[in-house]
Amino acid sequence: MRLSEFWRAVSDEFGEGYGRVLVNDLVLSDLGSVTSAEALRQGIPARDVWLALCKSADVPRTRWYGVGLPEPKK
């Protein structure tokens, strides 16, 4: 997952405003008690951060995978 895909997934799942709040404020215990923003700055892969964010925010597992990808070209 690229960083741009991470941000698209956050926006699609949580909305742009609330998504940014979660990324900056929600502490992810699965990643050593850091926020998503801190984890990304530490070099933790975006996919790992996304999965930890989903788990911490109680996103249904059916929406954990395949998000953040651009719409296929027609």
N, C-alpha and C. Protein backbone atom coordinates (compact mmCIF):
# COMPACT_ATOMS: atom_id res chain seq x y z
N MET A 1 0.85 -1.17 0.00
CA MET A 1 0.00 0.00 0.00
C MET A 1 0.89 1.23 0.00
N ARG A 2 0.66 2.08 -0.97
CA ARG A 2 1.39 3.35 -1.03
C ARG A 2 0.77 4.34 -0.04
N LEU A 3 1.51 5.37 0.29
CA LEU A 3 1.01 6.38 1.21
C LEU A 3 -0.24 7.05 0.65
N SER A 4 -0.27 7.31 -0.65
CA SER A 4 -1.45 7.92 -1.26
C SER A 4 -2.66 7.00 -1.13
N GLU A 5 -2.45 5.69 -1.24
CA GLU A 5 -3.53 4.73 -1.07
C GLU A 5 -4.02 4.70 0.38
N PHE A 6 -3.07 4.85 1.31
CA PHE A 6 -3.43 4.92 2.73
C PHE A 6 -4.38 6.09 2.96
N TRP A 7 -4.00 7.26 2.46
CA TRP A 7 -4.82 8.45 2.68
C TRP A 7 -6.17 8.34 1.98
N ARG A 8 -6.22 7.72 0.82
CA ARG A 8 -7.49 7.50 0.12
C ARG A 8 -8.37 6.56 0.94
N ALA A 9 -7.77 5.51 1.49
CA ALA A 9 -8.53 4.57 2.32
C ALA A 9 -9.08 5.25 3.57
N VAL A 10 -8.26 6.06 4.22
CA VAL A 10 -8.70 6.78 5.42
C VAL A 10 -9.88 7.69 5.07
N SER A 11 -9.74 8.43 3.98
CA SER A 11 -10.80 9.35 3.57
C SER A 11 -12.08 8.59 3.19
N ASP A 12 -11.94 7.49 2.46
CA ASP A 12 -13.10 6.70 2.05
C ASP A 12 -13.82 6.09 3.25
N GLU A 13 -13.06 5.62 4.21
CA GLU A 13 -13.65 4.92 5.36
C GLU A 13 -14.21 5.89 6.40
N PHE A 14 -13.48 6.95 6.70
CA PHE A 14 -13.83 7.81 7.83
C PHE A 14 -14.26 9.22 7.44
N GLY A 15 -14.07 9.59 6.19
CA GLY A 15 -14.28 10.97 5.79
C GLY A 15 -12.98 11.73 5.98
N GLU A 16 -12.80 12.77 5.21
CA GLU A 16 -11.51 13.46 5.24
C GLU A 16 -11.20 14.10 6.59
N GLY A 17 -12.16 14.82 7.16
CA GLY A 17 -11.90 15.52 8.42
C GLY A 17 -11.71 14.57 9.59
N TYR A 18 -12.68 13.67 9.78
CA TYR A 18 -12.58 12.73 10.90
C TYR A 18 -11.42 11.77 10.72
N GLY A 19 -11.13 11.40 9.48
CA GLY A 19 -10.00 10.52 9.20
C GLY A 19 -8.69 11.14 9.65
N ARG A 20 -8.51 12.41 9.37
CA ARG A 20 -7.28 13.09 9.80
C ARG A 20 -7.18 13.17 11.32
N VAL A 21 -8.31 13.36 11.97
CA VAL A 21 -8.32 13.38 13.44
C VAL A 21 -7.88 12.01 13.97
N LEU A 22 -8.43 10.94 13.42
CA LEU A 22 -8.04 9.60 13.86
C LEU A 22 -6.56 9.35 13.63
N VAL A 23 -6.06 9.71 12.47
CA VAL A 23 -4.65 9.48 12.14
C VAL A 23 -3.74 10.22 13.12
N ASN A 24 -4.14 11.40 13.52
CA ASN A 24 -3.30 12.21 14.41
C ASN A 24 -3.52 11.95 15.89
N ASP A 25 -4.69 11.41 16.28
CA ASP A 25 -5.01 11.32 17.71
C ASP A 25 -5.21 9.91 18.26
N LEU A 26 -5.66 8.97 17.43
CA LEU A 26 -5.95 7.63 17.94
C LEU A 26 -4.65 6.85 18.13
N VAL A 27 -4.39 6.41 19.35
CA VAL A 27 -3.19 5.65 19.66
C VAL A 27 -3.42 4.18 19.31
N LEU A 28 -2.49 3.62 18.56
CA LEU A 28 -2.59 2.25 18.07
C LEU A 28 -1.72 1.34 18.93
N SER A 29 -2.33 0.59 19.81
CA SER A 29 -1.57 -0.28 20.71
C SER A 29 -0.82 -1.37 19.93
N ASP A 30 -1.36 -1.81 18.80
CA ASP A 30 -0.70 -2.85 18.01
C ASP A 30 0.63 -2.40 17.42
N LEU A 31 0.84 -1.10 17.36
CA LEU A 31 2.09 -0.58 16.78
C LEU A 31 2.97 0.08 17.83
N GLY A 32 2.78 -0.27 19.06
CA GLY A 32 3.65 0.25 20.12
C GLY A 32 3.14 1.53 20.74
N SER A 33 1.83 1.72 20.75
CA SER A 33 1.20 2.89 21.38
C SER A 33 1.63 4.20 20.75
N VAL A 34 1.57 4.25 19.44
CA VAL A 34 1.81 5.49 18.70
C VAL A 34 0.59 5.76 17.83
N THR A 35 0.46 6.99 17.36
CA THR A 35 -0.63 7.31 16.44
C THR A 35 -0.24 6.84 15.03
N SER A 36 -1.20 6.84 14.14
CA SER A 36 -0.90 6.48 12.75
C SER A 36 0.13 7.43 12.16
N ALA A 37 -0.02 8.71 12.43
CA ALA A 37 0.92 9.70 11.90
C ALA A 37 2.34 9.42 12.40
N GLU A 38 2.47 9.12 13.68
CA GLU A 38 3.79 8.81 14.24
C GLU A 38 4.35 7.53 13.63
N ALA A 39 3.50 6.53 13.48
CA ALA A 39 3.94 5.25 12.91
C ALA A 39 4.46 5.45 11.48
N LEU A 40 3.75 6.24 10.68
CA LEU A 40 4.20 6.50 9.31
C LEU A 40 5.54 7.23 9.31
N ARG A 41 5.69 8.20 10.21
CA ARG A 41 6.97 8.94 10.30
C ARG A 41 8.11 8.02 10.73
N GLN A 42 7.80 6.99 11.51
CA GLN A 42 8.82 6.03 11.97
C GLN A 42 9.18 5.02 10.88
N GLY A 43 8.46 5.07 9.78
CA GLY A 43 8.76 4.16 8.68
C GLY A 43 7.99 2.85 8.70
N ILE A 44 7.00 2.75 9.55
CA ILE A 44 6.17 1.55 9.55
C ILE A 44 5.37 1.56 8.24
N PRO A 45 5.31 0.44 7.53
CA PRO A 45 4.61 0.41 6.25
C PRO A 45 3.15 0.86 6.37
N ALA A 46 2.71 1.60 5.37
CA ALA A 46 1.36 2.15 5.37
C ALA A 46 0.31 1.05 5.53
N ARG A 47 0.53 -0.10 4.92
CA ARG A 47 -0.42 -1.21 5.03
C ARG A 47 -0.58 -1.67 6.47
N ASP A 48 0.54 -1.77 7.20
CA ASP A 48 0.49 -2.16 8.61
C ASP A 48 -0.24 -1.12 9.45
N VAL A 49 0.01 0.14 9.14
CA VAL A 49 -0.66 1.23 9.85
C VAL A 49 -2.16 1.19 9.57
N TRP A 50 -2.52 0.99 8.29
CA TRP A 50 -3.93 0.91 7.92
C TRP A 50 -4.64 -0.22 8.67
N LEU A 51 -4.04 -1.39 8.71
CA LEU A 51 -4.66 -2.53 9.39
C LEU A 51 -4.80 -2.29 10.89
N ALA A 52 -3.81 -1.69 11.50
CA ALA A 52 -3.88 -1.37 12.93
C ALA A 52 -4.95 -0.32 13.19
N LEU A 53 -5.06 0.66 12.31
CA LEU A 53 -6.09 1.69 12.44
C LEU A 53 -7.48 1.08 12.32
N CYS A 54 -7.65 0.19 11.35
CA CYS A 54 -8.94 -0.48 11.18
C CYS A 54 -9.32 -1.25 12.44
N LYS A 55 -8.37 -2.00 12.98
CA LYS A 55 -8.64 -2.79 14.18
C LYS A 55 -9.01 -1.89 15.35
N SER A 56 -8.24 -0.83 15.55
CA SER A 56 -8.49 0.06 16.69
C SER A 56 -9.79 0.85 16.56
N ALA A 57 -10.19 1.12 15.32
CA ALA A 57 -11.40 1.91 15.09
C ALA A 57 -12.63 1.03 14.86
N ASP A 58 -12.49 -0.27 15.07
CA ASP A 58 -13.60 -1.23 14.92
C ASP A 58 -14.22 -1.23 13.53
N VAL A 59 -13.37 -1.08 12.51
CA VAL A 59 -13.84 -1.20 11.13
C VAL A 59 -14.09 -2.69 10.86
N PRO A 60 -15.23 -3.05 10.28
CA PRO A 60 -15.48 -4.47 9.98
C PRO A 60 -14.39 -5.04 9.07
N ARG A 61 -13.99 -6.26 9.34
CA ARG A 61 -12.90 -6.90 8.58
C ARG A 61 -13.15 -6.91 7.08
N THR A 62 -14.39 -6.92 6.67
CA THR A 62 -14.70 -6.95 5.24
C THR A 62 -14.23 -5.68 4.54
N ARG A 63 -13.94 -4.62 5.30
CA ARG A 63 -13.49 -3.36 4.69
C ARG A 63 -12.01 -3.08 4.94
N TRP A 64 -11.27 -4.06 5.46
CA TRP A 64 -9.84 -3.85 5.72
C TRP A 64 -8.99 -3.97 4.48
N TYR A 65 -9.39 -4.76 3.53
CA TYR A 65 -8.54 -5.08 2.39
C TYR A 65 -9.10 -4.50 1.10
N GLY A 66 -8.21 -4.11 0.21
CA GLY A 66 -8.62 -3.64 -1.09
C GLY A 66 -9.07 -2.20 -1.13
N VAL A 67 -9.04 -1.51 0.00
CA VAL A 67 -9.43 -0.11 0.02
C VAL A 67 -8.25 0.78 -0.36
N GLY A 68 -8.56 1.97 -0.77
CA GLY A 68 -7.50 2.92 -1.10
C GLY A 68 -7.01 2.83 -2.52
N LEU A 69 -7.52 1.86 -3.27
CA LEU A 69 -7.10 1.72 -4.64
C LEU A 69 -7.92 2.63 -5.54
N PRO A 70 -7.30 3.23 -6.54
CA PRO A 70 -8.08 4.09 -7.44
C PRO A 70 -9.08 3.28 -8.25
N GLU A 71 -10.12 3.95 -8.69
CA GLU A 71 -11.11 3.29 -9.55
C GLU A 71 -10.43 2.82 -10.83
N PRO A 72 -10.81 1.63 -11.31
CA PRO A 72 -10.20 1.14 -12.56
C PRO A 72 -10.57 2.07 -13.73
N LYS A 73 -9.63 2.22 -14.66
CA LYS A 73 -9.90 3.02 -15.85
C LYS A 73 -10.88 2.29 -16.74
N LYS A 74 -11.76 3.04 -17.38
CA LYS A 74 -12.77 2.42 -18.25
C LYS A 74 -12.40 2.54 -19.70
